[in-house]
Amino acid sequence: MRKAFIKHVKKFPWFTNVTLYGCLFAGGDIVHQLFSRNEKMDWRHTRNVAVVAFSFHGNFNFFWMRFLERRFPGNSIRMVVRKLFLDQTTAAPLATSVFYTGVSFLEGNEDIFQDWREKFLNTYKTGLMFWPFMQFLNFSMVPLYMRTTFAGCCAFVWATFLCFSRQSGDGTANAALAWMFTPKQDTTTEPEAEKLGPKVDQRGPKLDTEEPKPENPSPKEETQTPTVKQDDQAQTKEVEASLNKGTQTDTTPSQEKGPQTSTDSK
């Protein structure tokens, strides 16, 4: 298997190296989305990353490695240091710039240089902690026909960091490490809290509607109030009737005594 692969790489160096580099670079975006625990995979973003990787990064790296080997042949320490210096001062900033601007262009952003202005410097500084060690091994130990493939394996990790930096990071290694090693409980409890939130809000209005209920009379009380009023009216009528009877009884004797007094006087 290994011999067959090496034979295929030697026979088709450009096709094999560029294809592996592009696939590994696009795979870094898939790993980033898996680590992000998104509900759905954004395959459109993965497609944009793959287009940039196949069209520029893979081809540029393939021909760049051959240019460095022709300009500084051999794997001595002196030649390796020269290759490494030129790679980190020329190819590294160019590749990072093309990634930020290329993906922004494919997404249709109005200002394709916004991410580049905000995150390029931090990303380049972070790359200086990763790429010099990888490229040192590449220039000193890996044969020329396999250097782009080895760089693609390193770019798999680097692309994961680039995709994170572009979407939610700031280009620093500290932000990437904090994102990778955050406990899962923090991310799982947040949706639960969001689900519980509406339930609390729904209970609030129920309490407001239940409080004013005692102030309003019940239907039984409303039906009982007219009967009370009728009883009061009946009692008042009885009192008035009794008073009227009393006045009548008081006036009748006086009328009868009147004529008697008149006869006695006569």
C-alpha atoms as a PDB file:
ATOM      1  CA  MET A   1       0.000   0.000   0.000  1.00  0.00           C
ATOM      2  CA  ARG A   2       2.746   2.411   0.920  1.00  0.00           C
ATOM      3  CA  LYS A   3       4.806   1.535  -2.118  1.00  0.00           C
ATOM      4  CA  ALA A   4       1.787   1.899  -4.369  1.00  0.00           C
ATOM      5  CA  PHE A   5       1.027   5.317  -2.906  1.00  0.00           C
ATOM      6  CA  ILE A   6       4.614   6.524  -3.309  1.00  0.00           C
ATOM      7  CA  LYS A   7       4.660   5.215  -6.868  1.00  0.00           C
ATOM      8  CA  HIS A   8       1.434   7.074  -7.616  1.00  0.00           C
ATOM      9  CA  VAL A   9       2.816  10.287  -6.116  1.00  0.00           C
ATOM     10  CA  LYS A  10       5.969  10.048  -8.205  1.00  0.00           C
ATOM     11  CA  LYS A  11       3.967   9.343 -11.347  1.00  0.00           C
ATOM     12  CA  PHE A  12       1.378  12.108 -10.763  1.00  0.00           C
ATOM     13  CA  PRO A  13       3.073  14.532  -8.355  1.00  0.00           C
ATOM     14  CA  TRP A  14       0.980  17.609  -9.084  1.00  0.00           C
ATOM     15  CA  PHE A  15      -2.432  15.892  -9.070  1.00  0.00           C
ATOM     16  CA  THR A  16      -1.760  13.795  -5.971  1.00  0.00           C
ATOM     17  CA  ASN A  17      -0.203  16.551  -3.867  1.00  0.00           C
ATOM     18  CA  VAL A  18      -2.745  19.219  -4.754  1.00  0.00           C
ATOM     19  CA  THR A  19      -5.706  16.883  -4.249  1.00  0.00           C
ATOM     20  CA  LEU A  20      -4.506  15.671  -0.851  1.00  0.00           C
ATOM     21  CA  TYR A  21      -3.658  19.195   0.254  1.00  0.00           C
ATOM     22  CA  GLY A  22      -7.106  20.516  -0.722  1.00  0.00           C
ATOM     23  CA  CYS A  23      -8.968  17.640   0.920  1.00  0.00           C
ATOM     24  CA  LEU A  24      -7.006  17.930   4.150  1.00  0.00           C
ATOM     25  CA  PHE A  25      -7.451  21.702   4.259  1.00  0.00           C
ATOM     26  CA  ALA A  26     -11.219  21.404   3.736  1.00  0.00           C
ATOM     27  CA  GLY A  27     -11.319  18.664   6.369  1.00  0.00           C
ATOM     28  CA  GLY A  28     -10.037  21.187   8.871  1.00  0.00           C
ATOM     29  CA  ASP A  29     -13.257  23.181   8.478  1.00  0.00           C
ATOM     30  CA  ILE A  30     -15.313  20.045   9.114  1.00  0.00           C
ATOM     31  CA  VAL A  31     -13.383  19.374  12.318  1.00  0.00           C
ATOM     32  CA  HIS A  32     -13.932  22.976  13.386  1.00  0.00           C
ATOM     33  CA  GLN A  33     -17.685  22.654  12.955  1.00  0.00           C
ATOM     34  CA  LEU A  34     -17.714  19.368  14.872  1.00  0.00           C
ATOM     35  CA  PHE A  35     -15.811  20.950  17.742  1.00  0.00           C
ATOM     36  CA  SER A  36     -18.214  23.903  17.653  1.00  0.00           C
ATOM     37  CA  ARG A  37     -21.143  21.508  18.273  1.00  0.00           C
ATOM     38  CA  ASN A  38     -23.340  23.205  15.693  1.00  0.00           C
ATOM     39  CA  GLU A  39     -26.821  21.821  15.182  1.00  0.00           C
ATOM     40  CA  LYS A  40     -26.313  21.651  11.404  1.00  0.00           C
ATOM     41  CA  MET A  41     -23.209  21.433   9.263  1.00  0.00           C
ATOM     42  CA  ASP A  42     -22.551  24.511   7.170  1.00  0.00           C
ATOM     43  CA  TRP A  43     -21.502  22.745   3.982  1.00  0.00           C
ATOM     44  CA  ARG A  44     -21.517  26.028   2.108  1.00  0.00           C
ATOM     45  CA  HIS A  45     -18.674  27.312   4.235  1.00  0.00           C
ATOM     46  CA  THR A  46     -16.807  24.026   3.776  1.00  0.00           C
ATOM     47  CA  ARG A  47     -17.239  24.382   0.034  1.00  0.00           C
ATOM     48  CA  ASN A  48     -15.791  27.905   0.101  1.00  0.00           C
ATOM     49  CA  VAL A  49     -12.792  26.722   2.117  1.00  0.00           C
ATOM     50  CA  ALA A  50     -12.255  23.851  -0.311  1.00  0.00           C
ATOM     51  CA  VAL A  51     -12.386  26.186  -3.318  1.00  0.00           C
ATOM     52  CA  VAL A  52      -9.706  28.418  -1.805  1.00  0.00           C
ATOM     53  CA  ALA A  53      -7.599  25.397  -0.839  1.00  0.00           C
ATOM     54  CA  PHE A  54      -7.754  23.706  -4.249  1.00  0.00           C
ATOM     55  CA  SER A  55      -7.460  26.843  -6.363  1.00  0.00           C
ATOM     56  CA  PHE A  56      -4.653  28.598  -4.485  1.00  0.00           C
ATOM     57  CA  HIS A  57      -3.130  26.941  -1.425  1.00  0.00           C
ATOM     58  CA  GLY A  58      -2.510  23.516  -2.934  1.00  0.00           C
ATOM     59  CA  ASN A  59      -1.127  24.805  -6.235  1.00  0.00           C
ATOM     60  CA  PHE A  60       0.893  27.572  -4.633  1.00  0.00           C
ATOM     61  CA  ASN A  61       2.466  25.203  -2.122  1.00  0.00           C
ATOM     62  CA  PHE A  62       3.341  22.671  -4.832  1.00  0.00           C
ATOM     63  CA  PHE A  63       5.219  25.153  -7.013  1.00  0.00           C
ATOM     64  CA  TRP A  64       6.615  27.066  -4.045  1.00  0.00           C
ATOM     65  CA  MET A  65       8.356  23.978  -2.711  1.00  0.00           C
ATOM     66  CA  ARG A  66       9.998  23.372  -6.055  1.00  0.00           C
ATOM     67  CA  PHE A  67      11.103  26.979  -6.326  1.00  0.00           C
ATOM     68  CA  LEU A  68      12.756  26.847  -2.906  1.00  0.00           C
ATOM     69  CA  GLU A  69      14.475  23.581  -3.742  1.00  0.00           C
ATOM     70  CA  ARG A  70      15.881  24.982  -6.974  1.00  0.00           C
ATOM     71  CA  ARG A  71      16.955  28.219  -5.310  1.00  0.00           C
ATOM     72  CA  PHE A  72      18.458  26.553  -2.212  1.00  0.00           C
ATOM     73  CA  PRO A  73      19.177  22.899  -3.100  1.00  0.00           C
ATOM     74  CA  GLY A  74      19.981  20.301  -0.485  1.00  0.00           C
ATOM     75  CA  ASN A  75      18.940  19.705   3.102  1.00  0.00           C
ATOM     76  CA  SER A  76      21.906  21.138   4.969  1.00  0.00           C
ATOM     77  CA  ILE A  77      21.287  23.364   7.956  1.00  0.00           C
ATOM     78  CA  ARG A  78      22.298  26.438   6.040  1.00  0.00           C
ATOM     79  CA  MET A  79      19.945  25.723   3.146  1.00  0.00           C
ATOM     80  CA  VAL A  80      17.120  24.678   5.394  1.00  0.00           C
ATOM     81  CA  VAL A  81      17.359  27.916   7.386  1.00  0.00           C
ATOM     82  CA  ARG A  82      17.289  29.965   4.185  1.00  0.00           C
ATOM     83  CA  LYS A  83      14.234  28.102   2.914  1.00  0.00           C
ATOM     84  CA  LEU A  84      12.560  28.488   6.263  1.00  0.00           C
ATOM     85  CA  PHE A  85      13.234  32.214   6.478  1.00  0.00           C
ATOM     86  CA  LEU A  86      11.942  32.909   2.982  1.00  0.00           C
ATOM     87  CA  ASP A  87       8.906  30.688   3.547  1.00  0.00           C
ATOM     88  CA  GLN A  88       7.829  32.422   6.742  1.00  0.00           C
ATOM     89  CA  THR A  89       8.422  35.956   5.464  1.00  0.00           C
ATOM     90  CA  THR A  90       6.815  35.524   2.029  1.00  0.00           C
ATOM     91  CA  ALA A  91       4.590  32.458   1.665  1.00  0.00           C
ATOM     92  CA  ALA A  92       3.053  32.437   5.148  1.00  0.00           C
ATOM     93  CA  PRO A  93       1.617  35.992   5.113  1.00  0.00           C
ATOM     94  CA  LEU A  94       0.462  35.555   1.516  1.00  0.00           C
ATOM     95  CA  ALA A  95      -1.376  32.286   2.233  1.00  0.00           C
ATOM     96  CA  THR A  96      -3.060  33.736   5.336  1.00  0.00           C
ATOM     97  CA  SER A  97      -4.172  36.833   3.456  1.00  0.00           C
ATOM     98  CA  VAL A  98      -5.621  34.793   0.595  1.00  0.00           C
ATOM     99  CA  PHE A  99      -7.591  32.645   3.028  1.00  0.00           C
ATOM    100  CA  TYR A 100      -9.294  35.569   4.783  1.00  0.00           C
ATOM    101  CA  THR A 101     -10.010  37.551   1.636  1.00  0.00           C
ATOM    102  CA  GLY A 102     -10.868  34.535  -0.538  1.00  0.00           C
ATOM    103  CA  VAL A 103     -13.463  33.041   1.795  1.00  0.00           C
ATOM    104  CA  SER A 104     -14.982  36.488   2.405  1.00  0.00           C
ATOM    105  CA  PHE A 105     -15.211  37.021  -1.354  1.00  0.00           C
ATOM    106  CA  LEU A 106     -16.928  33.669  -1.935  1.00  0.00           C
ATOM    107  CA  GLU A 107     -19.425  34.441   0.828  1.00  0.00           C
ATOM    108  CA  GLY A 108     -20.326  37.720  -0.869  1.00  0.00           C
ATOM    109  CA  ASN A 109     -19.226  40.083   1.899  1.00  0.00           C
ATOM    110  CA  GLU A 110     -19.168  43.749   1.000  1.00  0.00           C
ATOM    111  CA  ASP A 111     -15.808  44.373   2.671  1.00  0.00           C
ATOM    112  CA  ILE A 112     -13.648  41.349   1.923  1.00  0.00           C
ATOM    113  CA  PHE A 113     -10.705  42.850   3.832  1.00  0.00           C
ATOM    114  CA  GLN A 114     -12.521  43.250   7.164  1.00  0.00           C
ATOM    115  CA  ASP A 115     -11.414  39.903   8.617  1.00  0.00           C
ATOM    116  CA  TRP A 116      -7.921  40.440   7.235  1.00  0.00           C
ATOM    117  CA  ARG A 117      -7.554  43.820   8.951  1.00  0.00           C
ATOM    118  CA  GLU A 118      -8.885  42.549  12.271  1.00  0.00           C
ATOM    119  CA  LYS A 119      -7.168  39.130  12.507  1.00  0.00           C
ATOM    120  CA  PHE A 120      -4.221  38.927  10.128  1.00  0.00           C
ATOM    121  CA  LEU A 121      -1.525  40.129  12.538  1.00  0.00           C
ATOM    122  CA  ASN A 122      -2.586  37.833  15.386  1.00  0.00           C
ATOM    123  CA  THR A 123      -2.942  34.907  12.984  1.00  0.00           C
ATOM    124  CA  TYR A 124       0.529  35.495  11.542  1.00  0.00           C
ATOM    125  CA  LYS A 125       2.034  35.630  15.043  1.00  0.00           C
ATOM    126  CA  THR A 126       0.294  32.386  15.955  1.00  0.00           C
ATOM    127  CA  GLY A 127       1.573  30.788  12.757  1.00  0.00           C
ATOM    128  CA  LEU A 128       5.142  31.602  13.780  1.00  0.00           C
ATOM    129  CA  MET A 129       4.647  29.259  16.738  1.00  0.00           C
ATOM    130  CA  PHE A 130       3.547  26.397  14.510  1.00  0.00           C
ATOM    131  CA  TRP A 131       4.811  26.531  10.921  1.00  0.00           C
ATOM    132  CA  PRO A 132       8.578  27.025  11.451  1.00  0.00           C
ATOM    133  CA  PHE A 133       8.808  23.701  13.312  1.00  0.00           C
ATOM    134  CA  MET A 134       6.677  21.871  10.740  1.00  0.00           C
ATOM    135  CA  GLN A 135       8.531  23.328   7.776  1.00  0.00           C
ATOM    136  CA  PHE A 136      11.886  22.594   9.351  1.00  0.00           C
ATOM    137  CA  LEU A 137      10.956  18.912   9.378  1.00  0.00           C
ATOM    138  CA  ASN A 138       9.552  19.225   5.897  1.00  0.00           C
ATOM    139  CA  PHE A 139      12.669  20.794   4.374  1.00  0.00           C
ATOM    140  CA  SER A 140      15.133  18.589   6.195  1.00  0.00           C
ATOM    141  CA  MET A 141      13.524  15.127   6.219  1.00  0.00           C
ATOM    142  CA  VAL A 142      10.737  14.876   3.609  1.00  0.00           C
ATOM    143  CA  PRO A 143      11.586  14.289  -0.074  1.00  0.00           C
ATOM    144  CA  LEU A 144      10.517  16.913  -2.569  1.00  0.00           C
ATOM    145  CA  TYR A 145       7.723  14.889  -4.174  1.00  0.00           C
ATOM    146  CA  MET A 146       6.032  14.461  -0.766  1.00  0.00           C
ATOM    147  CA  ARG A 147       6.520  17.926   0.731  1.00  0.00           C
ATOM    148  CA  THR A 148       3.169  19.323  -0.387  1.00  0.00           C
ATOM    149  CA  THR A 149       1.381  16.284   1.049  1.00  0.00           C
ATOM    150  CA  PHE A 150       3.221  16.705   4.360  1.00  0.00           C
ATOM    151  CA  ALA A 151       2.348  20.392   4.350  1.00  0.00           C
ATOM    152  CA  GLY A 152      -1.279  19.387   3.744  1.00  0.00           C
ATOM    153  CA  CYS A 153      -1.247  17.207   6.857  1.00  0.00           C
ATOM    154  CA  CYS A 154      -0.004  20.194   8.848  1.00  0.00           C
ATOM    155  CA  ALA A 155      -2.532  22.422   7.088  1.00  0.00           C
ATOM    156  CA  PHE A 156      -5.305  20.134   8.358  1.00  0.00           C
ATOM    157  CA  VAL A 157      -4.602  21.378  11.889  1.00  0.00           C
ATOM    158  CA  TRP A 158      -3.905  24.910  10.718  1.00  0.00           C
ATOM    159  CA  ALA A 159      -7.153  25.123   8.733  1.00  0.00           C
ATOM    160  CA  THR A 160      -9.126  24.178  11.843  1.00  0.00           C
ATOM    161  CA  PHE A 161      -7.540  27.119  13.629  1.00  0.00           C
ATOM    162  CA  LEU A 162      -8.102  29.471  10.672  1.00  0.00           C
ATOM    163  CA  CYS A 163     -11.788  28.604  10.396  1.00  0.00           C
ATOM    164  CA  PHE A 164     -12.255  29.148  14.111  1.00  0.00           C
ATOM    165  CA  SER A 165     -10.392  32.466  13.998  1.00  0.00           C
ATOM    166  CA  ARG A 166     -12.430  33.712  11.083  1.00  0.00           C
ATOM    167  CA  GLN A 167     -15.847  32.829  12.524  1.00  0.00           C
ATOM    168  CA  SER A 168     -15.524  33.380  16.274  1.00  0.00           C
ATOM    169  CA  GLY A 169     -11.885  33.867  17.259  1.00  0.00           C
ATOM    170  CA  ASP A 170      -9.419  36.732  17.123  1.00  0.00           C
ATOM    171  CA  GLY A 171      -6.436  34.950  15.600  1.00  0.00           C
ATOM    172  CA  THR A 172      -4.696  34.194  18.890  1.00  0.00           C
ATOM    173  CA  ALA A 173      -3.708  30.781  20.203  1.00  0.00           C
ATOM    174  CA  ASN A 174      -5.210  31.473  23.633  1.00  0.00           C
ATOM    175  CA  ALA A 175      -8.675  31.944  22.144  1.00  0.00           C
ATOM    176  CA  ALA A 176      -8.337  28.691  20.191  1.00  0.00           C
ATOM    177  CA  LEU A 177      -7.211  26.699  23.228  1.00  0.00           C
ATOM    178  CA  ALA A 178     -10.015  28.112  25.352  1.00  0.00           C
ATOM    179  CA  TRP A 179     -12.499  27.149  22.638  1.00  0.00           C
ATOM    180  CA  MET A 180     -11.147  23.603  22.314  1.00  0.00           C
ATOM    181  CA  PHE A 181     -10.975  22.774  26.023  1.00  0.00           C
ATOM    182  CA  THR A 182     -14.217  24.313  27.249  1.00  0.00           C
ATOM    183  CA  PRO A 183     -16.204  21.739  29.262  1.00  0.00           C
ATOM    184  CA  LYS A 184     -19.193  20.230  27.518  1.00  0.00           C
ATOM    185  CA  GLN A 185     -21.463  20.928  30.490  1.00  0.00           C
ATOM    186  CA  ASP A 186     -21.277  24.646  29.908  1.00  0.00           C
ATOM    187  CA  THR A 187     -22.543  24.255  26.370  1.00  0.00           C
ATOM    188  CA  THR A 188     -25.273  21.756  27.273  1.00  0.00           C
ATOM    189  CA  THR A 189     -26.681  23.732  30.174  1.00  0.00           C
ATOM    190  CA  GLU A 190     -27.137  26.891  28.128  1.00  0.00           C
ATOM    191  CA  PRO A 191     -29.845  25.444  25.877  1.00  0.00           C
ATOM    192  CA  GLU A 192     -31.580  24.005  28.926  1.00  0.00           C
ATOM    193  CA  ALA A 193     -31.604  27.426  30.564  1.00  0.00           C
ATOM    194  CA  GLU A 194     -33.011  28.913  27.387  1.00  0.00           C
ATOM    195  CA  LYS A 195     -35.744  26.288  27.365  1.00  0.00           C
ATOM    196  CA  LEU A 196     -36.626  26.990  30.979  1.00  0.00           C
ATOM    197  CA  GLY A 197     -36.756  30.717  30.370  1.00  0.00           C
ATOM    198  CA  PRO A 198     -40.031  30.812  28.427  1.00  0.00           C
ATOM    199  CA  LYS A 199     -41.733  28.627  31.039  1.00  0.00           C
ATOM    200  CA  VAL A 200     -40.991  31.147  33.759  1.00  0.00           C
ATOM    201  CA  ASP A 201     -42.236  33.943  31.562  1.00  0.00           C
ATOM    202  CA  GLN A 202     -45.438  32.059  30.834  1.00  0.00           C
ATOM    203  CA  ARG A 203     -46.177  31.573  34.519  1.00  0.00           C
ATOM    204  CA  GLY A 204     -45.895  35.282  35.199  1.00  0.00           C
ATOM    205  CA  PRO A 205     -49.047  36.363  33.377  1.00  0.00           C
ATOM    206  CA  LYS A 206     -51.009  33.547  35.027  1.00  0.00           C
ATOM    207  CA  LEU A 207     -50.234  34.960  38.460  1.00  0.00           C
ATOM    208  CA  ASP A 208     -51.304  38.421  37.360  1.00  0.00           C
ATOM    209  CA  THR A 209     -54.621  37.131  36.119  1.00  0.00           C
ATOM    210  CA  GLU A 210     -55.271  35.111  39.262  1.00  0.00           C
ATOM    211  CA  GLU A 211     -54.606  37.954  41.727  1.00  0.00           C
ATOM    212  CA  PRO A 212     -57.448  40.291  40.751  1.00  0.00           C
ATOM    213  CA  LYS A 213     -60.001  37.472  40.891  1.00  0.00           C
ATOM    214  CA  PRO A 214     -60.882  37.960  44.604  1.00  0.00           C
ATOM    215  CA  GLU A 215     -61.686  41.614  43.927  1.00  0.00           C
ATOM    216  CA  ASN A 216     -64.428  40.728  41.467  1.00  0.00           C
ATOM    217  CA  PRO A 217     -67.565  39.202  42.988  1.00  0.00           C
ATOM    218  CA  SER A 218     -68.410  35.658  42.129  1.00  0.00           C
ATOM    219  CA  PRO A 219     -71.558  34.837  40.174  1.00  0.00           C
ATOM    220  CA  LYS A 220     -73.197  33.514  43.343  1.00  0.00           C
ATOM    221  CA  GLU A 221     -72.573  36.786  45.123  1.00  0.00           C
ATOM    222  CA  GLU A 222     -73.960  38.707  42.177  1.00  0.00           C
ATOM    223  CA  THR A 223     -77.151  36.602  42.282  1.00  0.00           C
ATOM    224  CA  GLN A 224     -77.410  37.022  46.042  1.00  0.00           C
ATOM    225  CA  THR A 225     -77.106  40.823  46.105  1.00  0.00           C
ATOM    226  CA  PRO A 226     -80.474  41.480  44.406  1.00  0.00           C
ATOM    227  CA  THR A 227     -82.274  39.308  46.987  1.00  0.00           C
ATOM    228  CA  VAL A 228     -80.679  41.262  49.836  1.00  0.00           C
ATOM    229  CA  LYS A 229     -81.813  44.514  48.297  1.00  0.00           C
ATOM    230  CA  GLN A 230     -85.349  43.142  47.909  1.00  0.00           C
ATOM    231  CA  ASP A 231     -85.430  42.073  51.569  1.00  0.00           C
ATOM    232  CA  ASP A 232     -84.315  45.540  52.653  1.00  0.00           C
ATOM    233  CA  GLN A 233     -86.977  47.169  50.562  1.00  0.00           C
ATOM    234  CA  ALA A 234     -89.634  44.838  51.976  1.00  0.00           C
ATOM    235  CA  GLN A 235     -88.555  45.643  55.532  1.00  0.00           C
ATOM    236  CA  THR A 236     -88.667  49.389  54.870  1.00  0.00           C
ATOM    237  CA  LYS A 237     -92.150  49.039  53.419  1.00  0.00           C
ATOM    238  CA  GLU A 238     -93.320  47.105  56.483  1.00  0.00           C
ATOM    239  CA  VAL A 239     -91.894  49.791  58.780  1.00  0.00           C
ATOM    240  CA  GLU A 240     -93.601  52.530  56.784  1.00  0.00           C
ATOM    241  CA  ALA A 241     -96.869  50.609  56.864  1.00  0.00           C
ATOM    242  CA  SER A 242     -96.665  50.145  60.613  1.00  0.00           C
ATOM    243  CA  LEU A 243     -95.915  53.820  61.078  1.00  0.00           C
ATOM    244  CA  ASN A 244     -98.906  54.756  58.931  1.00  0.00           C
ATOM    245  CA  LYS A 245    -101.149  52.513  60.987  1.00  0.00           C
ATOM    246  CA  GLY A 246     -99.885  54.115  64.143  1.00  0.00           C
ATOM    247  CA  THR A 247    -100.688  57.576  62.937  1.00  0.00           C
ATOM    248  CA  GLN A 248    -104.184  56.475  61.926  1.00  0.00           C
ATOM    249  CA  THR A 249    -104.944  55.010  65.338  1.00  0.00           C
ATOM    250  CA  ASP A 250    -103.732  58.165  67.023  1.00  0.00           C
ATOM    251  CA  THR A 251    -106.002  60.417  64.941  1.00  0.00           C
ATOM    252  CA  THR A 252    -109.268  58.391  65.255  1.00  0.00           C
ATOM    253  CA  PRO A 253    -109.798  58.781  69.055  1.00  0.00           C
ATOM    254  CA  SER A 254    -109.272  62.483  68.875  1.00  0.00           C
ATOM    255  CA  GLN A 255    -112.018  62.801  66.313  1.00  0.00           C
ATOM    256  CA  GLU A 256    -114.448  60.813  68.469  1.00  0.00           C
ATOM    257  CA  LYS A 257    -113.769  62.860  71.603  1.00  0.00           C
ATOM    258  CA  GLY A 258    -114.332  66.093  69.824  1.00  0.00           C
ATOM    259  CA  PRO A 259    -118.146  65.912  69.610  1.00  0.00           C
ATOM    260  CA  GLN A 260    -118.473  64.579  73.145  1.00  0.00           C
ATOM    261  CA  THR A 261    -116.811  67.590  74.626  1.00  0.00           C
ATOM    262  CA  SER A 262    -119.043  69.837  72.638  1.00  0.00           C
ATOM    263  CA  THR A 263    -122.265  68.200  74.014  1.00  0.00           C
ATOM    264  CA  ASP A 264    -121.105  68.435  77.605  1.00  0.00           C
ATOM    265  CA  SER A 265    -120.469  72.088  77.278  1.00  0.00           C
ATOM    266  CA  LYS A 266    -123.950  72.638  76.001  1.00  0.00           C
END
